[in-house]
C-alpha atoms as a PDB file:
ATOM      1  CA  MET A   1      22.057  14.236  -1.527  1.00  0.00           C
ATOM      2  CA  ASN A   2      19.723  11.485  -0.345  1.00  0.00           C
ATOM      3  CA  ALA A   3      17.487  13.839   1.668  1.00  0.00           C
ATOM      4  CA  SER A   4      16.472  15.915  -1.370  1.00  0.00           C
ATOM      5  CA  LEU A   5      13.408  14.202  -2.754  1.00  0.00           C
ATOM      6  CA  THR A   6      11.509  17.348  -3.706  1.00  0.00           C
ATOM      7  CA  ILE A   7      12.184  20.232  -6.050  1.00  0.00           C
ATOM      8  CA  GLU A   8      12.070  22.533  -3.013  1.00  0.00           C
ATOM      9  CA  LYS A   9      14.849  20.586  -1.251  1.00  0.00           C
ATOM     10  CA  LEU A  10      16.913  20.462  -4.443  1.00  0.00           C
ATOM     11  CA  ILE A  11      16.623  24.243  -4.834  1.00  0.00           C
ATOM     12  CA  GLU A  12      17.647  24.743  -1.193  1.00  0.00           C
ATOM     13  CA  HIS A  13      20.678  22.537  -1.752  1.00  0.00           C
ATOM     14  CA  LEU A  14      21.715  24.341  -4.939  1.00  0.00           C
ATOM     15  CA  GLN A  15      21.346  27.798  -3.363  1.00  0.00           C
ATOM     16  CA  ARG A  16      24.389  27.038  -1.209  1.00  0.00           C
ATOM     17  CA  PHE A  17      26.541  27.571  -4.307  1.00  0.00           C
ATOM     18  CA  ALA A  18      27.315  30.674  -6.336  1.00  0.00           C
ATOM     19  CA  PRO A  19      25.163  30.875  -9.479  1.00  0.00           C
ATOM     20  CA  ASP A  20      28.249  30.694 -11.690  1.00  0.00           C
ATOM     21  CA  THR A  21      29.574  27.483 -10.071  1.00  0.00           C
ATOM     22  CA  PRO A  22      30.288  24.912 -12.797  1.00  0.00           C
ATOM     23  CA  CYS A  23      28.289  21.725 -12.365  1.00  0.00           C
ATOM     24  CA  LEU A  24      26.802  18.711 -14.046  1.00  0.00           C
ATOM     25  CA  GLY A  25      23.403  17.447 -13.128  1.00  0.00           C
ATOM     26  CA  HIS A  26      20.790  14.997 -14.232  1.00  0.00           C
ATOM     27  CA  PHE A  27      17.609  14.558 -12.269  1.00  0.00           C
ATOM     28  CA  TRP A  28      14.311  12.814 -12.661  1.00  0.00           C
ATOM     29  CA  ILE A  29      10.928  13.880 -11.386  1.00  0.00           C
ATOM     30  CA  ALA A  30       7.904  11.797 -10.417  1.00  0.00           C
ATOM     31  CA  ASP A  31       6.262  12.370 -13.822  1.00  0.00           C
ATOM     32  CA  ASP A  32       9.191  10.642 -15.528  1.00  0.00           C
ATOM     33  CA  LEU A  33       8.226   7.403 -13.819  1.00  0.00           C
ATOM     34  CA  GLU A  34       4.922   7.378 -15.706  1.00  0.00           C
ATOM     35  CA  ASP A  35       6.963   6.385 -18.759  1.00  0.00           C
ATOM     36  CA  VAL A  36       9.068   3.860 -16.856  1.00  0.00           C
ATOM     37  CA  ALA A  37       6.413   2.150 -14.749  1.00  0.00           C
ATOM     38  CA  PRO A  38       2.893   3.546 -15.139  1.00  0.00           C
ATOM     39  CA  GLU A  39       1.549   0.896 -12.774  1.00  0.00           C
ATOM     40  CA  LEU A  40       3.180   2.543  -9.743  1.00  0.00           C
ATOM     41  CA  THR A  41       0.946   4.209  -7.176  1.00  0.00           C
ATOM     42  CA  PRO A  42       1.918   7.723  -6.042  1.00  0.00           C
ATOM     43  CA  GLU A  43       3.425   6.224  -2.872  1.00  0.00           C
ATOM     44  CA  GLU A  44       5.391   3.699  -4.933  1.00  0.00           C
ATOM     45  CA  VAL A  45       6.698   6.505  -7.149  1.00  0.00           C
ATOM     46  CA  VAL A  46       8.146   8.200  -4.078  1.00  0.00           C
ATOM     47  CA  ALA A  47       9.550   4.867  -2.877  1.00  0.00           C
ATOM     48  CA  THR A  48      11.119   4.241  -6.304  1.00  0.00           C
ATOM     49  CA  LEU A  49      12.743   7.667  -6.371  1.00  0.00           C
ATOM     50  CA  ALA A  50      14.038   7.142  -2.821  1.00  0.00           C
ATOM     51  CA  LEU A  51      15.404   3.695  -3.660  1.00  0.00           C
ATOM     52  CA  SER A  52      17.046   5.086  -6.785  1.00  0.00           C
ATOM     53  CA  ASP A  53      18.635   7.892  -4.791  1.00  0.00           C
ATOM     54  CA  ASN A  54      19.832   5.587  -2.032  1.00  0.00           C
ATOM     55  CA  THR A  55      21.299   2.904  -4.306  1.00  0.00           C
ATOM     56  CA  LEU A  56      22.628   4.917  -7.223  1.00  0.00           C
ATOM     57  CA  ASP A  57      26.157   3.940  -8.162  1.00  0.00           C
ATOM     58  CA  ALA A  58      27.815   6.397 -10.527  1.00  0.00           C
ATOM     59  CA  GLU A  59      29.455   3.414 -12.237  1.00  0.00           C
ATOM     60  CA  ASN A  60      26.009   2.221 -13.367  1.00  0.00           C
ATOM     61  CA  SER A  61      24.404   5.574 -14.175  1.00  0.00           C
ATOM     62  CA  LEU A  62      20.962   6.959 -13.516  1.00  0.00           C
ATOM     63  CA  SER A  63      19.294   5.505 -16.593  1.00  0.00           C
ATOM     64  CA  TRP A  64      15.867   4.356 -17.703  1.00  0.00           C
ATOM     65  CA  TYR A  65      17.031   0.779 -17.085  1.00  0.00           C
ATOM     66  CA  PHE A  66      18.142   1.620 -13.535  1.00  0.00           C
ATOM     67  CA  LEU A  67      14.854   3.389 -12.757  1.00  0.00           C
ATOM     68  CA  ARG A  68      12.896   0.400 -14.130  1.00  0.00           C
ATOM     69  CA  HIS A  69      14.949  -1.925 -11.931  1.00  0.00           C
ATOM     70  CA  CYS A  70      14.151   0.209  -8.867  1.00  0.00           C
ATOM     71  CA  ALA A  71      10.470   0.308  -9.837  1.00  0.00           C
ATOM     72  CA  ASP A  72      10.447  -3.484 -10.186  1.00  0.00           C
ATOM     73  CA  THR A  73      11.993  -3.785  -6.725  1.00  0.00           C
ATOM     74  CA  VAL A  74       9.298  -1.556  -5.246  1.00  0.00           C
ATOM     75  CA  LEU A  75       6.549  -3.421  -7.125  1.00  0.00           C
ATOM     76  CA  ALA A  76       7.870  -6.740  -5.799  1.00  0.00           C
ATOM     77  CA  ARG A  77       7.158  -5.465  -2.286  1.00  0.00           C
ATOM     78  CA  ARG A  78       3.448  -5.679  -3.154  1.00  0.00           C
ATOM     79  CA  LEU A  79       3.803  -9.448  -3.226  1.00  0.00           C
ATOM     80  CA  LEU A  80       5.346  -9.470   0.239  1.00  0.00           C
ATOM     81  CA  LYS A  81       2.421  -7.633   1.821  1.00  0.00           C
END
């Protein structure tokens, strides 16, 4: 579901299913990154969420550690500019 980076897109995606469809979900929102990496700019928050979505491996889990790793990757790009 890499294209769904907003609540609106997530809702659109979920509306394709019957309300009683069993599921399991865990999602993070931009505000959660304030706890993980408060030094991120709003643009870097979006980039971190996108990187997390694009590189998530279910074997490794979507965890605080994983989000911090993605934030560090995005922050390292500052040095390359």
